[in-house]
Amino acid sequence: MNNHITFHPSHEGIVSICNQDTTICKLINHIGPLTLKTSENHLEALVMSIIGQQLSAKAASTIRQRVKMLCGEITPERVLRTPFENFRNAGVSRTKIEFIFDLCKKVHSNEISFANFHSQENETVINSLTSVKGIGKWTAEMFLIFSLGRLNVLSLGDAGLQRATKWLYQLDDRPKNKYMEEVSINWHPYYSIVSLYLWESIDLGFVDHFPTIEDVNEK
């Protein structure tokens, strides 16, 4: 089951962000409302994330569809009783199969409890998820946003967000591409909303094809 949160100009998060940061507000006003789509099938979301690691979007989509056909509904029991070689035949690497099995074993034994995540702080959820082989901090952060619908997640390790921030705020080159660290103080506690707009600025070609946000507005 999927849920949707749409960020209109009257949304409290948009109002708060625009009151604190006129620069990101320019981008928000240009793009308009965005919708965050979240999935309640948390296990499936993580399994699909593991499958997609280091693959092109096309290859990942193909393998994900094969795995869904192979298992039907993604549950710990169905995954664990599916023969290892069946996943290999679907195009999943041996390493990723081991990661997926490790995840499903931890969920099956209740070492990882999705039910508890909703009442836990972000860092607690991240620590729980990163105990699984193959799940790093970035994957856990994306889970917080796109599965749990958390609006206060800032993924400092996301290269796209750092690149879009550099473009939007016209920042000089910095060591290790750390551009969000300074300006993000004005985004609290709606980091995820800002992240959606920064990702959208890349998807729409703003970052690659326009020198500044003012140039986009003059299009």
Protein backbone atom coordinates (compact mmCIF):
# COMPACT_ATOMS: atom_id res chain seq x y z
CA MET A 1 0.00 0.00 0.00
CA ASN A 2 1.27 3.46 -0.94
CA ASN A 3 0.68 6.74 0.84
CA HIS A 4 1.07 10.23 -0.55
CA ILE A 5 2.02 13.54 1.04
CA THR A 6 1.67 16.57 -1.25
CA PHE A 7 3.54 19.75 -0.40
CA HIS A 8 1.39 22.70 -1.44
CA PRO A 9 2.31 26.36 -0.71
CA SER A 10 0.10 26.23 2.38
CA HIS A 11 1.78 23.13 3.85
CA GLU A 12 3.32 24.02 7.20
CA GLY A 13 6.69 22.69 6.08
CA ILE A 14 6.76 24.85 2.94
CA VAL A 15 5.67 27.90 4.94
CA SER A 16 8.40 27.29 7.53
CA ILE A 17 11.13 26.75 4.92
CA CYS A 18 10.19 29.86 2.93
CA ASN A 19 10.08 31.99 6.08
CA GLN A 20 13.62 30.92 6.94
CA ASP A 21 15.31 30.64 3.54
CA THR A 22 14.43 32.84 0.57
CA THR A 23 16.89 31.04 -1.73
CA ILE A 24 15.32 27.58 -1.48
CA CYS A 25 11.93 29.29 -1.57
CA LYS A 26 12.71 30.54 -5.10
CA LEU A 27 13.25 26.95 -6.21
CA ILE A 28 10.10 25.73 -4.44
CA ASN A 29 7.98 28.45 -6.04
CA HIS A 30 9.36 27.68 -9.49
CA ILE A 31 8.79 23.93 -9.26
CA GLY A 32 5.44 24.08 -7.49
CA PRO A 33 3.79 21.31 -5.44
CA LEU A 34 5.64 18.01 -5.07
CA THR A 35 4.34 14.69 -3.77
CA LEU A 36 6.24 12.30 -1.51
CA LYS A 37 5.13 8.75 -2.20
CA THR A 38 5.79 6.28 0.59
CA SER A 39 5.36 2.51 0.69
CA GLU A 40 4.12 0.52 3.67
CA ASN A 41 5.83 -2.67 2.44
CA HIS A 42 9.07 -1.88 4.26
CA LEU A 43 10.75 -5.21 3.59
CA GLU A 44 10.09 -4.99 -0.13
CA ALA A 45 11.46 -1.45 -0.21
CA LEU A 46 14.73 -2.56 1.38
CA VAL A 47 15.05 -5.68 -0.76
CA MET A 48 14.51 -3.62 -3.91
CA SER A 49 17.04 -1.08 -2.69
CA ILE A 50 19.67 -3.79 -2.18
CA ILE A 51 18.97 -5.20 -5.65
CA GLY A 52 19.43 -1.78 -7.25
CA GLN A 53 22.82 -1.04 -5.73
CA GLN A 54 25.47 -0.21 -8.35
CA LEU A 55 23.12 -1.03 -11.25
CA SER A 56 21.66 1.13 -13.98
CA ALA A 57 18.00 2.03 -13.56
CA LYS A 58 17.03 -0.23 -16.47
CA ALA A 59 18.94 -3.27 -15.20
CA ALA A 60 17.67 -2.78 -11.66
CA SER A 61 14.05 -2.53 -12.85
CA THR A 62 14.34 -5.76 -14.83
CA ILE A 63 15.81 -7.74 -11.95
CA ARG A 64 13.34 -6.31 -9.45
CA GLN A 65 10.43 -7.45 -11.60
CA ARG A 66 11.92 -10.94 -11.87
CA VAL A 67 12.31 -11.16 -8.10
CA LYS A 68 8.72 -10.03 -7.55
CA MET A 69 7.51 -12.72 -9.96
CA LEU A 70 9.74 -15.25 -8.23
CA CYS A 71 8.56 -14.54 -4.69
CA GLY A 72 5.16 -13.00 -5.18
CA GLU A 73 4.63 -10.87 -2.10
CA ILE A 74 7.99 -10.06 -0.52
CA THR A 75 7.87 -11.55 2.97
CA PRO A 76 10.71 -13.00 5.08
CA GLU A 77 9.23 -16.49 4.82
CA ARG A 78 8.80 -16.45 1.05
CA VAL A 79 12.26 -15.07 0.44
CA LEU A 80 13.99 -17.52 2.79
CA ARG A 81 12.31 -20.57 1.30
CA THR A 82 13.17 -19.54 -2.26
CA PRO A 83 16.25 -21.45 -3.44
CA PHE A 84 19.44 -19.43 -3.68
CA GLU A 85 19.95 -20.40 -7.32
CA ASN A 86 16.52 -19.11 -8.27
CA PHE A 87 17.65 -15.64 -7.26
CA ARG A 88 20.86 -16.14 -9.23
CA ASN A 89 18.82 -17.09 -12.28
CA ALA A 90 16.81 -13.90 -11.82
CA GLY A 91 20.03 -11.91 -12.13
CA VAL A 92 20.75 -11.15 -8.46
CA SER A 93 24.43 -11.40 -7.54
CA ARG A 94 25.54 -13.87 -4.89
CA THR A 95 26.63 -11.06 -2.59
CA LYS A 96 23.27 -9.29 -2.83
CA ILE A 97 21.41 -12.55 -2.21
CA GLU A 98 23.40 -12.95 1.00
CA PHE A 99 22.47 -9.38 1.98
CA ILE A 100 18.78 -10.03 1.27
CA PHE A 101 18.82 -13.29 3.24
CA ASP A 102 20.55 -11.56 6.17
CA LEU A 103 17.85 -8.88 6.17
CA CYS A 104 15.01 -11.41 6.00
CA LYS A 105 16.50 -13.52 8.80
CA LYS A 106 16.75 -10.47 11.05
CA VAL A 107 13.15 -9.46 10.26
CA HIS A 108 11.90 -13.02 10.72
CA SER A 109 13.59 -13.30 14.13
CA ASN A 110 12.26 -9.86 15.08
CA GLU A 111 15.80 -8.56 15.52
CA ILE A 112 14.55 -5.85 13.17
CA SER A 113 10.98 -4.78 13.89
CA PHE A 114 9.35 -2.50 11.36
CA ALA A 115 6.45 -2.01 13.77
CA ASN A 116 8.79 -0.38 16.28
CA PHE A 117 10.36 1.98 13.75
CA HIS A 118 7.43 4.41 13.77
CA SER A 119 8.06 5.33 17.41
CA GLN A 120 11.87 5.40 17.18
CA GLU A 121 14.22 8.29 16.50
CA ASN A 122 15.95 8.50 13.13
CA GLU A 123 19.33 7.44 14.49
CA THR A 124 17.85 4.39 16.20
CA VAL A 125 16.27 3.25 12.94
CA ILE A 126 19.50 3.90 11.05
CA ASN A 127 21.54 1.90 13.57
CA SER A 128 19.10 -0.99 13.33
CA LEU A 129 19.10 -1.08 9.54
CA THR A 130 22.85 -0.70 9.15
CA SER A 131 23.31 -3.84 11.24
CA VAL A 132 22.22 -5.68 8.09
CA LYS A 133 24.92 -6.63 5.61
CA GLY A 134 24.67 -4.44 2.53
CA ILE A 135 22.62 -1.65 4.08
CA GLY A 136 24.59 1.54 4.63
CA LYS A 137 23.63 4.89 6.10
CA TRP A 138 22.43 6.35 2.79
CA THR A 139 20.06 3.41 2.18
CA ALA A 140 18.73 3.75 5.73
CA GLU A 141 18.20 7.48 5.24
CA MET A 142 16.26 6.88 2.01
CA PHE A 143 14.15 4.35 3.91
CA LEU A 144 13.33 6.98 6.52
CA ILE A 145 12.10 9.34 3.81
CA PHE A 146 10.46 7.07 1.26
CA SER A 147 9.11 4.32 3.52
CA LEU A 148 8.49 5.98 6.89
CA GLY A 149 7.68 9.40 5.46
CA ARG A 150 10.00 11.23 7.85
CA LEU A 151 10.25 14.91 6.98
CA ASN A 152 13.34 15.66 9.08
CA VAL A 153 16.01 13.59 7.28
CA LEU A 154 19.12 15.17 5.78
CA SER A 155 21.45 12.85 3.88
CA LEU A 156 24.77 14.67 3.92
CA GLY A 157 26.34 11.80 1.99
CA ASP A 158 24.03 12.21 -1.00
CA ALA A 159 26.15 13.55 -3.87
CA GLY A 160 23.13 14.84 -5.79
CA LEU A 161 21.92 16.94 -2.87
CA GLN A 162 25.36 18.42 -2.34
CA ARG A 163 25.68 19.24 -6.05
CA ALA A 164 22.24 20.86 -6.23
CA THR A 165 22.96 22.90 -3.08
CA LYS A 166 26.21 24.19 -4.55
CA TRP A 167 24.35 25.29 -7.70
CA LEU A 168 21.37 26.84 -5.95
CA TYR A 169 23.39 28.85 -3.42
CA GLN A 170 26.23 29.60 -5.87
CA LEU A 171 28.85 28.28 -3.48
CA ASP A 172 32.58 28.09 -4.15
CA ASP A 173 34.30 24.71 -4.32
CA ARG A 174 34.71 23.12 -0.92
CA PRO A 175 36.73 20.16 0.40
CA LYS A 176 34.90 16.84 0.09
CA ASN A 177 31.93 18.60 -1.59
CA LYS A 178 30.45 19.71 1.73
CA TYR A 179 27.90 22.30 0.66
CA MET A 180 24.80 21.51 2.71
CA GLU A 181 26.45 21.67 6.11
CA GLU A 182 26.37 25.47 6.31
CA VAL A 183 23.05 26.40 4.65
CA SER A 184 20.93 23.50 5.93
CA ILE A 185 20.48 25.10 9.35
CA ASN A 186 17.61 27.07 7.81
CA TRP A 187 15.83 23.90 6.62
CA HIS A 188 15.22 22.35 10.05
CA PRO A 189 12.99 20.47 10.75
CA TYR A 190 11.91 19.86 7.13
CA TYR A 191 15.12 18.57 5.58
CA SER A 192 13.30 15.91 3.57
CA ILE A 193 11.06 18.45 1.84
CA VAL A 194 14.06 20.52 0.80
CA SER A 195 15.77 17.34 -0.39
CA LEU A 196 12.84 16.51 -2.66
CA TYR A 197 13.08 19.93 -4.29
CA LEU A 198 16.85 19.71 -4.69
CA TRP A 199 16.55 16.28 -6.32
CA GLU A 200 13.81 17.65 -8.57
CA SER A 201 16.08 20.52 -9.64
CA ILE A 202 18.48 17.88 -10.98
CA ASP A 203 15.75 15.78 -12.60
CA LEU A 204 14.35 18.84 -14.37
CA GLY A 205 17.80 19.75 -15.72
CA PHE A 206 18.12 23.02 -13.82
CA VAL A 207 21.47 22.18 -12.25
CA ASP A 208 23.07 21.05 -15.51
CA HIS A 209 21.60 23.60 -17.92
CA PHE A 210 21.15 26.89 -16.04
CA PRO A 211 23.86 28.95 -14.31
CA THR A 212 21.54 30.12 -11.50
CA ILE A 213 17.95 29.80 -10.27
CA GLU A 214 17.33 33.31 -11.64
CA ASP A 215 18.16 32.02 -15.12
CA VAL A 216 15.52 29.29 -14.71
CA ASN A 217 12.94 31.88 -13.73
CA GLU A 218 13.73 33.87 -16.86
CA LYS A 219 13.17 30.86 -19.12
